[in-house]
């Protein structure tokens, strides 16, 4: 990976997730569900866009390789934590704890493995976990938006889908943590 300054398009897209995350948390705190949904969608788009831009146009940098997952973790962990007290969101503290614990574990393992000079990037299971975590947050925000607009029947109709997404997200979150643990043990072993 080439050494490039911090201020390039992929890194700026990654960095944009930090203020977007702060706006999302404020939207949740003030029950501005539709705005929160739009902000989260924009933040999720920047996650896709920064990777696409870096692979297509460059630069692929060590800073970007670490900045992208860090800002993802701030956005998603913060989203799950901020949704805990929301009535009807059905995000119990243990779910947020599972999400945050997995992210801390993988970040720690990544640091240890990469300190040995090996790469420890995301794989398909980690990407699936990310997609499912985003889907759960979108689902919660959409259901809350519908309820806020008096569309209770539509919100209630989506709740079973949201429950399935939450279960799938938890399986992927725990499964990818185990997979990364095994991968780290092999690389360090």
Protein backbone atom coordinates (compact mmCIF):
# COMPACT_ATOMS: atom_id res chain seq x y z
CA UNK A 1 0.00 0.00 0.00
CA UNK A 2 1.30 3.39 -0.95
CA UNK A 3 1.77 6.17 1.57
CA UNK A 4 -0.75 8.94 0.86
CA UNK A 5 -1.95 11.88 2.89
CA UNK A 6 -4.92 11.51 5.17
CA UNK A 7 -7.01 13.87 3.05
CA UNK A 8 -7.99 11.71 0.10
CA UNK A 9 -11.48 10.80 -1.13
CA UNK A 10 -11.78 7.37 0.53
CA UNK A 11 -10.54 8.68 3.88
CA UNK A 12 -12.81 11.73 3.71
CA UNK A 13 -15.76 9.43 3.02
CA UNK A 14 -14.77 7.30 6.02
CA UNK A 15 -14.30 10.36 8.23
CA UNK A 16 -17.73 11.67 7.19
CA UNK A 17 -19.28 8.80 9.15
CA UNK A 18 -18.20 10.38 12.45
CA UNK A 19 -20.34 13.54 12.19
CA UNK A 20 -23.10 11.51 10.55
CA UNK A 21 -23.00 9.15 13.54
CA UNK A 22 -23.32 12.10 15.93
CA UNK A 23 -26.32 13.40 13.97
CA UNK A 24 -27.87 9.92 14.00
CA UNK A 25 -27.50 9.66 17.78
CA UNK A 26 -29.13 13.09 18.17
CA UNK A 27 -31.98 12.02 15.87
CA UNK A 28 -32.58 8.91 17.99
CA UNK A 29 -32.42 10.92 21.22
CA UNK A 30 -35.00 13.39 19.87
CA UNK A 31 -37.15 10.73 18.16
CA UNK A 32 -36.58 12.17 14.69
CA UNK A 33 -36.95 8.75 13.10
CA UNK A 34 -37.26 9.66 9.41
CA UNK A 35 -34.27 12.00 9.65
CA UNK A 36 -32.32 9.32 11.50
CA UNK A 37 -33.16 6.81 8.78
CA UNK A 38 -31.90 9.17 6.08
CA UNK A 39 -28.72 9.97 8.03
CA UNK A 40 -28.00 6.29 8.64
CA UNK A 41 -28.62 5.49 4.96
CA UNK A 42 -26.16 8.24 3.97
CA UNK A 43 -23.57 6.91 6.43
CA UNK A 44 -24.01 3.34 5.16
CA UNK A 45 -23.61 4.61 1.60
CA UNK A 46 -20.29 6.24 2.50
CA UNK A 47 -19.07 2.86 3.77
CA UNK A 48 -19.72 1.32 0.38
CA UNK A 49 -18.44 4.38 -1.51
CA UNK A 50 -15.10 4.66 0.29
CA UNK A 51 -14.19 1.06 -0.50
CA UNK A 52 -15.38 1.32 -4.08
CA UNK A 53 -13.42 4.54 -4.66
CA UNK A 54 -10.23 3.21 -3.07
CA UNK A 55 -10.30 0.01 -5.14
CA UNK A 56 -11.20 1.78 -8.37
CA UNK A 57 -9.23 5.02 -8.19
CA UNK A 58 -6.97 4.64 -5.15
CA UNK A 59 -5.32 5.26 -2.94
CA UNK A 60 -5.34 2.12 -0.84
CA UNK A 61 -3.57 3.25 2.33
CA UNK A 62 -2.77 1.87 5.75
CA UNK A 63 -4.64 4.82 7.28
CA UNK A 64 -7.73 4.06 5.21
CA UNK A 65 -7.48 0.35 5.97
CA UNK A 66 -7.82 1.17 9.67
CA UNK A 67 -10.00 4.29 9.49
CA UNK A 68 -12.82 2.60 7.57
CA UNK A 69 -13.54 -0.16 10.10
CA UNK A 70 -13.03 2.24 13.02
CA UNK A 71 -15.69 4.65 11.77
CA UNK A 72 -17.99 1.70 11.00
CA UNK A 73 -17.65 0.59 14.61
CA UNK A 74 -18.43 4.06 15.97
CA UNK A 75 -21.53 4.26 13.78
CA UNK A 76 -22.90 0.79 14.43
CA UNK A 77 -21.94 0.31 18.07
CA UNK A 78 -23.25 3.79 18.85
CA UNK A 79 -26.47 3.08 16.96
CA UNK A 80 -27.15 -0.11 18.91
CA UNK A 81 -26.32 1.58 22.23
CA UNK A 82 -28.52 4.60 21.46
CA UNK A 83 -31.45 2.33 20.52
CA UNK A 84 -31.45 0.45 23.87
CA UNK A 85 -33.84 2.83 25.68
CA UNK A 86 -36.17 3.29 22.69
CA UNK A 87 -39.57 1.79 23.41
CA UNK A 88 -40.57 -0.59 20.64
CA UNK A 89 -37.05 -0.87 19.19
CA UNK A 90 -36.51 -4.20 20.96
CA UNK A 91 -32.74 -3.73 21.30
CA UNK A 92 -31.99 -5.17 24.73
CA UNK A 93 -28.68 -4.28 26.39
CA UNK A 94 -27.32 -7.80 25.85
CA UNK A 95 -27.73 -7.40 22.06
CA UNK A 96 -25.81 -4.13 22.07
CA UNK A 97 -23.21 -5.76 24.33
CA UNK A 98 -22.80 -8.65 21.88
CA UNK A 99 -22.29 -6.21 18.99
CA UNK A 100 -19.81 -4.02 20.89
CA UNK A 101 -17.92 -7.02 22.33
CA UNK A 102 -17.50 -8.59 18.90
CA UNK A 103 -16.16 -5.34 17.47
CA UNK A 104 -13.70 -4.85 20.34
CA UNK A 105 -12.54 -8.46 20.12
CA UNK A 106 -11.94 -8.34 16.37
CA UNK A 107 -10.21 -4.96 16.60
CA UNK A 108 -7.89 -6.32 19.29
CA UNK A 109 -7.15 -9.49 17.33
CA UNK A 110 -6.51 -7.45 14.21
CA UNK A 111 -4.00 -5.27 16.05
CA UNK A 112 -2.14 -8.27 17.45
CA UNK A 113 -2.02 -10.13 14.12
CA UNK A 114 -1.06 -7.09 12.05
CA UNK A 115 1.71 -6.23 14.55
CA UNK A 116 3.38 -9.45 13.36
CA UNK A 117 3.37 -8.15 9.78
CA UNK A 118 0.45 -10.26 8.58
CA UNK A 119 -2.77 -8.86 7.15
CA UNK A 120 -6.05 -9.43 8.94
CA UNK A 121 -8.73 -7.86 6.78
CA UNK A 122 -12.45 -8.37 6.55
CA UNK A 123 -13.80 -11.51 4.93
CA UNK A 124 -17.23 -12.47 3.61
CA UNK A 125 -18.60 -13.42 7.06
CA UNK A 126 -17.57 -10.04 8.50
CA UNK A 127 -19.17 -8.29 5.52
CA UNK A 128 -22.37 -10.31 5.99
CA UNK A 129 -22.37 -9.31 9.67
CA UNK A 130 -22.02 -5.66 8.66
CA UNK A 131 -24.91 -5.88 6.17
CA UNK A 132 -27.15 -7.56 8.76
CA UNK A 133 -26.25 -5.03 11.46
CA UNK A 134 -27.11 -2.22 9.04
CA UNK A 135 -30.37 -3.97 8.11
CA UNK A 136 -31.36 -4.22 11.78
CA UNK A 137 -30.69 -0.52 12.39
CA UNK A 138 -32.60 0.42 9.22
CA UNK A 139 -35.45 -1.84 10.30
CA UNK A 140 -35.69 -0.26 13.74
CA UNK A 141 -35.59 3.26 12.30
CA UNK A 142 -38.17 2.39 9.62
CA UNK A 143 -40.55 0.81 12.13
CA UNK A 144 -40.19 3.80 14.45
CA UNK A 145 -40.80 6.16 11.50
CA UNK A 146 -43.98 4.29 10.57
CA UNK A 147 -45.20 4.37 14.16
CA UNK A 148 -44.43 8.08 14.36
CA UNK A 149 -46.60 8.68 11.30
CA UNK A 150 -49.51 6.68 12.71
CA UNK A 151 -48.86 3.64 10.51
CA UNK A 152 -49.06 1.22 13.43
CA UNK A 153 -50.41 -1.69 11.36
CA UNK A 154 -47.54 -1.41 8.87
CA UNK A 155 -45.01 -1.15 11.71
CA UNK A 156 -46.52 -4.18 13.45
CA UNK A 157 -46.44 -6.09 10.16
CA UNK A 158 -42.71 -5.45 9.82
CA UNK A 159 -41.92 -6.51 13.39
CA UNK A 160 -41.65 -10.26 12.59
CA UNK A 161 -39.23 -9.47 9.75
CA UNK A 162 -37.23 -7.31 12.16
CA UNK A 163 -37.11 -10.18 14.67
CA UNK A 164 -35.73 -12.54 12.01
CA UNK A 165 -33.15 -9.92 10.97
CA UNK A 166 -32.12 -9.47 14.60
CA UNK A 167 -31.66 -13.22 15.07
CA UNK A 168 -29.68 -13.53 11.83
CA UNK A 169 -27.55 -10.54 12.82
CA UNK A 170 -26.78 -12.08 16.20
CA UNK A 171 -25.77 -15.40 14.60
CA UNK A 172 -23.52 -13.57 12.12
CA UNK A 173 -22.07 -11.35 14.85
CA UNK A 174 -21.16 -14.26 17.14
CA UNK A 175 -20.21 -16.53 14.24
CA UNK A 176 -17.86 -14.00 12.70
CA UNK A 177 -16.26 -13.35 16.11
CA UNK A 178 -15.55 -17.07 16.42
CA UNK A 179 -14.28 -17.24 12.84
CA UNK A 180 -11.92 -14.30 13.38
CA UNK A 181 -10.72 -15.86 16.64
CA UNK A 182 -9.88 -19.12 14.87
CA UNK A 183 -8.22 -17.24 12.01
CA UNK A 184 -6.10 -15.22 14.47
CA UNK A 185 -5.09 -18.36 16.36
CA UNK A 186 -3.95 -20.00 13.12
CA UNK A 187 -1.98 -16.94 12.03
CA UNK A 188 -0.34 -16.57 15.44
CA UNK A 189 -0.04 -20.27 16.20
